[in-house]
Amino acid sequence: MDVRKRNRKIYKYYWGNTFMVNESDMECIPAKLTKRIVNEMEELIKQGWYANRSELIRDAIRELIKKQKVAQLESAIKSDIQWGLYGK
């Protein structure tokens, strides 16, 4: 059986910007979610906030990564300030 990766181009919209992603650049990661989370996701999709579950999950992960990076930067800055003020 000849199995080939599709190299379909997908256009994504994020924060008002459009960018192209090759489908072969994406990786499928299975995850289990509670029924409550799935229901809340479906409600956001129904309201038109997202086109589908994949878009919602990708956006949520991007936001989590961004928040984590900001928290790490803030922690490093606070540490530098403490060192600068008190030499600790």
PDB file of N, CA and C in Angstrom:
ATOM      1  N   MET A   1       0.837  -1.183   0.000  1.00  0.00           N
ATOM      2  CA  MET A   1       0.000   0.000   0.000  1.00  0.00           C
ATOM      3  C   MET A   1       0.883   1.247   0.000  1.00  0.00           C
ATOM      4  N   ASP A   2       0.650   2.129  -0.928  1.00  0.00           N
ATOM      5  CA  ASP A   2       1.433   3.354  -1.056  1.00  0.00           C
ATOM      6  C   ASP A   2       0.798   4.450  -0.201  1.00  0.00           C
ATOM      7  N   VAL A   3       1.488   4.806   0.868  1.00  0.00           N
ATOM      8  CA  VAL A   3       0.973   5.852   1.752  1.00  0.00           C
ATOM      9  C   VAL A   3       1.822   7.096   1.546  1.00  0.00           C
ATOM     10  N   ARG A   4       1.186   8.184   1.157  1.00  0.00           N
ATOM     11  CA  ARG A   4       1.907   9.439   0.931  1.00  0.00           C
ATOM     12  C   ARG A   4       1.339  10.525   1.819  1.00  0.00           C
ATOM     13  N   LYS A   5       2.241  11.368   2.297  1.00  0.00           N
ATOM     14  CA  LYS A   5       1.786  12.521   3.070  1.00  0.00           C
ATOM     15  C   LYS A   5       1.202  13.532   2.112  1.00  0.00           C
ATOM     16  N   ARG A   6       0.080  14.077   2.505  1.00  0.00           N
ATOM     17  CA  ARG A   6      -0.491  15.143   1.696  1.00  0.00           C
ATOM     18  C   ARG A   6       0.270  16.431   2.003  1.00  0.00           C
ATOM     19  N   ASN A   7       0.476  17.218   1.004  1.00  0.00           N
ATOM     20  CA  ASN A   7       1.171  18.481   1.192  1.00  0.00           C
ATOM     21  C   ASN A   7       0.211  19.617   0.847  1.00  0.00           C
ATOM     22  N   ARG A   8      -0.958  19.548   1.413  1.00  0.00           N
ATOM     23  CA  ARG A   8      -1.992  20.542   1.165  1.00  0.00           C
ATOM     24  C   ARG A   8      -1.669  21.838   1.897  1.00  0.00           C
ATOM     25  N   LYS A   9      -1.941  22.951   1.262  1.00  0.00           N
ATOM     26  CA  LYS A   9      -1.694  24.245   1.885  1.00  0.00           C
ATOM     27  C   LYS A   9      -2.951  24.699   2.603  1.00  0.00           C
ATOM     28  N   ILE A  10      -2.782  25.105   3.838  1.00  0.00           N
ATOM     29  CA  ILE A  10      -3.896  25.553   4.666  1.00  0.00           C
ATOM     30  C   ILE A  10      -3.631  26.998   5.040  1.00  0.00           C
ATOM     31  N   TYR A  11      -4.617  27.831   4.884  1.00  0.00           N
ATOM     32  CA  TYR A  11      -4.472  29.231   5.261  1.00  0.00           C
ATOM     33  C   TYR A  11      -5.081  29.434   6.634  1.00  0.00           C
ATOM     34  N   LYS A  12      -4.304  30.025   7.543  1.00  0.00           N
ATOM     35  CA  LYS A  12      -4.744  30.235   8.918  1.00  0.00           C
ATOM     36  C   LYS A  12      -4.887  31.724   9.161  1.00  0.00           C
ATOM     37  N   TYR A  13      -5.819  32.056  10.002  1.00  0.00           N
ATOM     38  CA  TYR A  13      -6.042  33.438  10.391  1.00  0.00           C
ATOM     39  C   TYR A  13      -5.809  33.544  11.888  1.00  0.00           C
ATOM     40  N   TYR A  14      -4.894  34.412  12.281  1.00  0.00           N
ATOM     41  CA  TYR A  14      -4.563  34.548  13.693  1.00  0.00           C
ATOM     42  C   TYR A  14      -4.269  36.007  13.984  1.00  0.00           C
ATOM     43  N   TRP A  15      -5.015  36.569  14.869  1.00  0.00           N
ATOM     44  CA  TRP A  15      -4.851  37.968  15.275  1.00  0.00           C
ATOM     45  C   TRP A  15      -4.845  38.904  14.074  1.00  0.00           C
ATOM     46  N   GLY A  16      -5.740  38.667  13.137  1.00  0.00           N
ATOM     47  CA  GLY A  16      -5.851  39.533  11.979  1.00  0.00           C
ATOM     48  C   GLY A  16      -4.817  39.282  10.900  1.00  0.00           C
ATOM     49  N   ASN A  17      -3.922  38.351  11.127  1.00  0.00           N
ATOM     50  CA  ASN A  17      -2.895  38.034  10.137  1.00  0.00           C
ATOM     51  C   ASN A  17      -3.237  36.724   9.438  1.00  0.00           C
ATOM     52  N   THR A  18      -2.863  36.636   8.195  1.00  0.00           N
ATOM     53  CA  THR A  18      -3.070  35.413   7.432  1.00  0.00           C
ATOM     54  C   THR A  18      -1.708  34.786   7.173  1.00  0.00           C
ATOM     55  N   PHE A  19      -1.606  33.500   7.409  1.00  0.00           N
ATOM     56  CA  PHE A  19      -0.365  32.817   7.084  1.00  0.00           C
ATOM     57  C   PHE A  19      -0.675  31.434   6.560  1.00  0.00           C
ATOM     58  N   MET A  20       0.254  30.896   5.794  1.00  0.00           N
ATOM     59  CA  MET A  20       0.044  29.612   5.158  1.00  0.00           C
ATOM     60  C   MET A  20       0.827  28.532   5.898  1.00  0.00           C
ATOM     61  N   VAL A  21       0.184  27.397   6.092  1.00  0.00           N
ATOM     62  CA  VAL A  21       0.815  26.263   6.752  1.00  0.00           C
ATOM     63  C   VAL A  21       0.606  25.042   5.868  1.00  0.00           C
ATOM     64  N   ASN A  22       1.674  24.310   5.624  1.00  0.00           N
ATOM     65  CA  ASN A  22       1.530  23.049   4.908  1.00  0.00           C
ATOM     66  C   ASN A  22       0.987  22.010   5.877  1.00  0.00           C
ATOM     67  N   GLU A  23       0.022  21.249   5.425  1.00  0.00           N
ATOM     68  CA  GLU A  23      -0.562  20.233   6.285  1.00  0.00           C
ATOM     69  C   GLU A  23       0.494  19.247   6.769  1.00  0.00           C
ATOM     70  N   SER A  24       1.533  19.014   5.970  1.00  0.00           N
ATOM     71  CA  SER A  24       2.577  18.072   6.372  1.00  0.00           C
ATOM     72  C   SER A  24       3.420  18.621   7.521  1.00  0.00           C
ATOM     73  N   ASP A  25       3.326  19.934   7.796  1.00  0.00           N
ATOM     74  CA  ASP A  25       4.042  20.541   8.916  1.00  0.00           C
ATOM     75  C   ASP A  25       3.326  20.309  10.246  1.00  0.00           C
ATOM     76  N   MET A  26       2.128  19.776  10.193  1.00  0.00           N
ATOM     77  CA  MET A  26       1.341  19.571  11.408  1.00  0.00           C
ATOM     78  C   MET A  26       1.486  18.142  11.888  1.00  0.00           C
ATOM     79  N   GLU A  27       1.386  17.981  13.199  1.00  0.00           N
ATOM     80  CA  GLU A  27       1.466  16.660  13.805  1.00  0.00           C
ATOM     81  C   GLU A  27       0.185  16.414  14.581  1.00  0.00           C
ATOM     82  N   CYS A  28      -0.353  15.242  14.469  1.00  0.00           N
ATOM     83  CA  CYS A  28      -1.566  14.876  15.185  1.00  0.00           C
ATOM     84  C   CYS A  28      -1.185  14.359  16.569  1.00  0.00           C
ATOM     85  N   ILE A  29      -1.777  14.957  17.596  1.00  0.00           N
ATOM     86  CA  ILE A  29      -1.488  14.561  18.973  1.00  0.00           C
ATOM     87  C   ILE A  29      -2.815  14.187  19.642  1.00  0.00           C
ATOM     88  N   PRO A  30      -2.995  12.920  19.955  1.00  0.00           N
ATOM     89  CA  PRO A  30      -4.252  12.524  20.598  1.00  0.00           C
ATOM     90  C   PRO A  30      -4.324  13.038  22.035  1.00  0.00           C
ATOM     91  N   ALA A  31      -5.509  13.416  22.448  1.00  0.00           N
ATOM     92  CA  ALA A  31      -5.709  13.907  23.814  1.00  0.00           C
ATOM     93  C   ALA A  31      -7.115  13.535  24.272  1.00  0.00           C
ATOM     94  N   LYS A  32      -7.249  13.269  25.544  1.00  0.00           N
ATOM     95  CA  LYS A  32      -8.558  12.982  26.119  1.00  0.00           C
ATOM     96  C   LYS A  32      -9.018  14.202  26.900  1.00  0.00           C
ATOM     97  N   LEU A  33     -10.256  14.599  26.672  1.00  0.00           N
ATOM     98  CA  LEU A  33     -10.828  15.759  27.342  1.00  0.00           C
ATOM     99  C   LEU A  33     -12.125  15.352  28.033  1.00  0.00           C
ATOM    100  N   THR A  34     -12.451  16.058  29.097  1.00  0.00           N
ATOM    101  CA  THR A  34     -13.703  15.761  29.789  1.00  0.00           C
ATOM    102  C   THR A  34     -14.880  16.219  28.934  1.00  0.00           C
ATOM    103  N   LYS A  35     -16.039  15.639  29.175  1.00  0.00           N
ATOM    104  CA  LYS A  35     -17.244  16.014  28.437  1.00  0.00           C
ATOM    105  C   LYS A  35     -17.568  17.493  28.657  1.00  0.00           C
ATOM    106  N   ARG A  36     -17.298  17.993  29.851  1.00  0.00           N
ATOM    107  CA  ARG A  36     -17.568  19.401  30.147  1.00  0.00           C
ATOM    108  C   ARG A  36     -16.726  20.320  29.253  1.00  0.00           C
ATOM    109  N   ILE A  37     -15.443  20.015  29.120  1.00  0.00           N
ATOM    110  CA  ILE A  37     -14.572  20.831  28.269  1.00  0.00           C
ATOM    111  C   ILE A  37     -15.032  20.749  26.815  1.00  0.00           C
ATOM    112  N   VAL A  38     -15.356  19.551  26.348  1.00  0.00           N
ATOM    113  CA  VAL A  38     -15.813  19.377  24.968  1.00  0.00           C
ATOM    114  C   VAL A  38     -17.097  20.171  24.737  1.00  0.00           C
ATOM    115  N   ASN A  39     -18.018  20.129  25.692  1.00  0.00           N
ATOM    116  CA  ASN A  39     -19.269  20.889  25.556  1.00  0.00           C
ATOM    117  C   ASN A  39     -18.995  22.386  25.493  1.00  0.00           C
ATOM    118  N   GLU A  40     -18.074  22.872  26.323  1.00  0.00           N
ATOM    119  CA  GLU A  40     -17.727  24.295  26.303  1.00  0.00           C
ATOM    120  C   GLU A  40     -17.053  24.663  24.976  1.00  0.00           C
ATOM    121  N   MET A  41     -16.222  23.762  24.457  1.00  0.00           N
ATOM    122  CA  MET A  41     -15.595  23.997  23.162  1.00  0.00           C
ATOM    123  C   MET A  41     -16.659  24.090  22.067  1.00  0.00           C
ATOM    124  N   GLU A  42     -17.584  23.156  22.084  1.00  0.00           N
ATOM    125  CA  GLU A  42     -18.652  23.137  21.075  1.00  0.00           C
ATOM    126  C   GLU A  42     -19.482  24.415  21.133  1.00  0.00           C
ATOM    127  N   GLU A  43     -19.703  24.939  22.330  1.00  0.00           N
ATOM    128  CA  GLU A  43     -20.467  26.183  22.477  1.00  0.00           C
ATOM    129  C   GLU A  43     -19.718  27.348  21.833  1.00  0.00           C
ATOM    130  N   LEU A  44     -18.400  27.430  22.047  1.00  0.00           N
ATOM    131  CA  LEU A  44     -17.598  28.493  21.419  1.00  0.00           C
ATOM    132  C   LEU A  44     -17.613  28.371  19.895  1.00  0.00           C
ATOM    133  N   ILE A  45     -17.561  27.146  19.404  1.00  0.00           N
ATOM    134  CA  ILE A  45     -17.613  26.915  17.954  1.00  0.00           C
ATOM    135  C   ILE A  45     -18.980  27.320  17.416  1.00  0.00           C
ATOM    136  N   LYS A  46     -20.025  26.938  18.125  1.00  0.00           N
ATOM    137  CA  LYS A  46     -21.380  27.281  17.711  1.00  0.00           C
ATOM    138  C   LYS A  46     -21.587  28.800  17.679  1.00  0.00           C
ATOM    139  N   GLN A  47     -20.953  29.510  18.625  1.00  0.00           N
ATOM    140  CA  GLN A  47     -21.069  30.968  18.685  1.00  0.00           C
ATOM    141  C   GLN A  47     -20.246  31.654  17.603  1.00  0.00           C
ATOM    142  N   GLY A  48     -19.421  30.886  16.912  1.00  0.00           N
ATOM    143  CA  GLY A  48     -18.644  31.442  15.810  1.00  0.00           C
ATOM    144  C   GLY A  48     -17.251  31.926  16.174  1.00  0.00           C
ATOM    145  N   TRP A  49     -16.811  31.654  17.393  1.00  0.00           N
ATOM    146  CA  TRP A  49     -15.475  32.090  17.802  1.00  0.00           C
ATOM    147  C   TRP A  49     -14.387  31.293  17.094  1.00  0.00           C
ATOM    148  N   TYR A  50     -14.667  30.043  16.795  1.00  0.00           N
ATOM    149  CA  TYR A  50     -13.703  29.173  16.122  1.00  0.00           C
ATOM    150  C   TYR A  50     -14.414  28.369  15.049  1.00  0.00           C
ATOM    151  N   ALA A  51     -13.660  27.973  14.023  1.00  0.00           N
ATOM    152  CA  ALA A  51     -14.234  27.189  12.933  1.00  0.00           C
ATOM    153  C   ALA A  51     -14.426  25.727  13.336  1.00  0.00           C
ATOM    154  N   ASN A  52     -13.515  25.222  14.180  1.00  0.00           N
ATOM    155  CA  ASN A  52     -13.597  23.814  14.574  1.00  0.00           C
ATOM    156  C   ASN A  52     -12.769  23.582  15.836  1.00  0.00           C
ATOM    157  N   ARG A  53     -12.791  22.371  16.332  1.00  0.00           N
ATOM    158  CA  ARG A  53     -12.061  22.019  17.563  1.00  0.00           C
ATOM    159  C   ARG A  53     -10.561  22.205  17.424  1.00  0.00           C
ATOM    160  N   SER A  54     -10.020  21.821  16.285  1.00  0.00           N
ATOM    161  CA  SER A  54      -8.572  21.935  16.086  1.00  0.00           C
ATOM    162  C   SER A  54      -8.113  23.380  16.199  1.00  0.00           C
ATOM    163  N   GLU A  55      -8.855  24.296  15.570  1.00  0.00           N
ATOM    164  CA  GLU A  55      -8.497  25.713  15.653  1.00  0.00           C
ATOM    165  C   GLU A  55      -8.545  26.207  17.093  1.00  0.00           C
ATOM    166  N   LEU A  56      -9.575  25.808  17.818  1.00  0.00           N
ATOM    167  CA  LEU A  56      -9.725  26.220  19.216  1.00  0.00           C
ATOM    168  C   LEU A  56      -8.561  25.699  20.059  1.00  0.00           C
ATOM    169  N   ILE A  57      -8.223  24.442  19.891  1.00  0.00           N
ATOM    170  CA  ILE A  57      -7.144  23.840  20.677  1.00  0.00           C
ATOM    171  C   ILE A  57      -5.805  24.493  20.349  1.00  0.00           C
ATOM    172  N   ARG A  58      -5.540  24.714  19.061  1.00  0.00           N
ATOM    173  CA  ARG A  58      -4.277  25.366  18.683  1.00  0.00           C
ATOM    174  C   ARG A  58      -4.183  26.766  19.278  1.00  0.00           C
ATOM    175  N   ASP A  59      -5.284  27.516  19.224  1.00  0.00           N
ATOM    176  CA  ASP A  59      -5.290  28.868  19.781  1.00  0.00           C
ATOM    177  C   ASP A  59      -5.072  28.835  21.292  1.00  0.00           C
ATOM    178  N   ALA A  60      -5.717  27.896  21.978  1.00  0.00           N
ATOM    179  CA  ALA A  60      -5.557  27.778  23.432  1.00  0.00           C
ATOM    180  C   ALA A  60      -4.109  27.455  23.798  1.00  0.00           C
ATOM    181  N   ILE A  61      -3.480  26.588  23.038  1.00  0.00           N
ATOM    182  CA  ILE A  61      -2.084  26.227  23.308  1.00  0.00           C
ATOM    183  C   ILE A  61      -1.160  27.409  23.047  1.00  0.00           C
ATOM    184  N   ARG A  62      -1.411  28.147  21.947  1.00  0.00           N
ATOM    185  CA  ARG A  62      -0.604  29.347  21.672  1.00  0.00           C
ATOM    186  C   ARG A  62      -0.697  30.333  22.832  1.00  0.00           C
ATOM    187  N   GLU A  63      -1.906  30.563  23.333  1.00  0.00           N
ATOM    188  CA  GLU A  63      -2.114  31.501  24.437  1.00  0.00           C
ATOM    189  C   GLU A  63      -1.417  31.015  25.708  1.00  0.00           C
ATOM    190  N   LEU A  64      -1.488  29.723  25.995  1.00  0.00           N
ATOM    191  CA  LEU A  64      -0.824  29.165  27.172  1.00  0.00           C
ATOM    192  C   LEU A  64       0.690  29.352  27.080  1.00  0.00           C
ATOM    193  N   ILE A  65       1.249  29.071  25.905  1.00  0.00           N
ATOM    194  CA  ILE A  65       2.693  29.240  25.715  1.00  0.00           C
ATOM    195  C   ILE A  65       3.083  30.700  25.891  1.00  0.00           C
ATOM    196  N   LYS A  66       2.293  31.601  25.323  1.00  0.00           N
ATOM    197  CA  LYS A  66       2.583  33.030  25.445  1.00  0.00           C
ATOM    198  C   LYS A  66       2.540  33.468  26.909  1.00  0.00           C
ATOM    199  N   LYS A  67       1.526  33.037  27.655  1.00  0.00           N
ATOM    200  CA  LYS A  67       1.417  33.381  29.082  1.00  0.00           C
ATOM    201  C   LYS A  67       2.593  32.837  29.874  1.00  0.00           C
ATOM    202  N   GLN A  68       2.999  31.608  29.571  1.00  0.00           N
ATOM    203  CA  GLN A  68       4.113  30.984  30.284  1.00  0.00           C
ATOM    204  C   GLN A  68       5.407  31.742  30.039  1.00  0.00           C
ATOM    205  N   LYS A  69       5.645  32.155  28.795  1.00  0.00           N
ATOM    206  CA  LYS A  69       6.848  32.917  28.477  1.00  0.00           C
ATOM    207  C   LYS A  69       6.859  34.262  29.205  1.00  0.00           C
ATOM    208  N   VAL A  70       5.707  34.924  29.265  1.00  0.00           N
ATOM    209  CA  VAL A  70       5.607  36.204  29.975  1.00  0.00           C
ATOM    210  C   VAL A  70       5.881  35.990  31.461  1.00  0.00           C
ATOM    211  N   ALA A  71       5.310  34.935  32.041  1.00  0.00           N
ATOM    212  CA  ALA A  71       5.530  34.653  33.468  1.00  0.00           C
ATOM    213  C   ALA A  71       7.012  34.388  33.753  1.00  0.00           C
ATOM    214  N   GLN A  72       7.682  33.646  32.887  1.00  0.00           N
ATOM    215  CA  GLN A  72       9.107  33.369  33.067  1.00  0.00           C
ATOM    216  C   GLN A  72       9.928  34.650  32.968  1.00  0.00           C
ATOM    217  N   LEU A  73       9.580  35.509  32.020  1.00  0.00           N
ATOM    218  CA  LEU A  73      10.292  36.770  31.861  1.00  0.00           C
ATOM    219  C   LEU A  73      10.089  37.668  33.079  1.00  0.00           C
ATOM    220  N   GLU A  74       8.850  37.748  33.560  1.00  0.00           N
ATOM    221  CA  GLU A  74       8.567  38.552  34.753  1.00  0.00           C
ATOM    222  C   GLU A  74       9.345  38.044  35.962  1.00  0.00           C
ATOM    223  N   SER A  75       9.422  36.741  36.117  1.00  0.00           N
ATOM    224  CA  SER A  75      10.161  36.145  37.222  1.00  0.00           C
ATOM    225  C   SER A  75      11.642  36.486  37.132  1.00  0.00           C
ATOM    226  N   ALA A  76      12.211  36.414  35.943  1.00  0.00           N
ATOM    227  CA  ALA A  76      13.628  36.740  35.752  1.00  0.00           C
ATOM    228  C   ALA A  76      13.888  38.212  36.050  1.00  0.00           C
ATOM    229  N   ILE A  77      12.978  39.077  35.624  1.00  0.00           N
ATOM    230  CA  ILE A  77      13.136  40.512  35.883  1.00  0.00           C
ATOM    231  C   ILE A  77      13.070  40.793  37.375  1.00  0.00           C
ATOM    232  N   LYS A  78      12.108  40.189  38.069  1.00  0.00           N
ATOM    233  CA  LYS A  78      11.995  40.377  39.528  1.00  0.00           C
ATOM    234  C   LYS A  78      13.249  39.892  40.235  1.00  0.00           C
ATOM    235  N   SER A  79      13.787  38.770  39.784  1.00  0.00           N
ATOM    236  CA  SER A  79      15.010  38.230  40.368  1.00  0.00           C
ATOM    237  C   SER A  79      16.182  39.193  40.157  1.00  0.00           C
ATOM    238  N   ASP A  80      16.276  39.758  38.950  1.00  0.00           N
ATOM    239  CA  ASP A  80      17.337  40.727  38.666  1.00  0.00           C
ATOM    240  C   ASP A  80      17.187  41.983  39.516  1.00  0.00           C
ATOM    241  N   ILE A  81      15.965  42.434  39.726  1.00  0.00           N
ATOM    242  CA  ILE A  81      15.725  43.617  40.556  1.00  0.00           C
ATOM    243  C   ILE A  81      16.132  43.343  41.994  1.00  0.00           C
ATOM    244  N   GLN A  82      15.754  42.166  42.511  1.00  0.00           N
ATOM    245  CA  GLN A  82      16.129  41.798  43.888  1.00  0.00           C
ATOM    246  C   GLN A  82      17.651  41.771  44.032  1.00  0.00           C
ATOM    247  N   TRP A  83      18.316  41.191  43.044  1.00  0.00           N
ATOM    248  CA  TRP A  83      19.770  41.120  43.084  1.00  0.00           C
ATOM    249  C   TRP A  83      20.381  42.526  43.036  1.00  0.00           C
ATOM    250  N   GLY A  84      19.825  43.385  42.171  1.00  0.00           N
ATOM    251  CA  GLY A  84      20.327  44.733  42.025  1.00  0.00           C
ATOM    252  C   GLY A  84      20.116  45.588  43.272  1.00  0.00           C
ATOM    253  N   LEU A  85      18.981  45.404  43.913  1.00  0.00           N
ATOM    254  CA  LEU A  85      18.662  46.203  45.112  1.00  0.00           C
ATOM    255  C   LEU A  85      19.344  45.693  46.364  1.00  0.00           C
ATOM    256  N   TYR A  86      19.361  44.379  46.508  1.00  0.00           N
ATOM    257  CA  TYR A  86      19.806  43.801  47.780  1.00  0.00           C
ATOM    258  C   TYR A  86      21.009  42.889  47.647  1.00  0.00           C
ATOM    259  N   GLY A  87      21.483  42.673  46.441  1.00  0.00           N
ATOM    260  CA  GLY A  87      22.629  41.791  46.238  1.00  0.00           C
ATOM    261  C   GLY A  87      22.321  40.343  46.550  1.00  0.00           C
ATOM    262  N   LYS A  88      21.053  39.980  46.475  1.00  0.00           N
ATOM    263  CA  LYS A  88      20.640  38.603  46.795  1.00  0.00           C
ATOM    264  C   LYS A  88      20.233  37.881  45.541  1.00  0.00           C
TER     265      LYS A  88
END
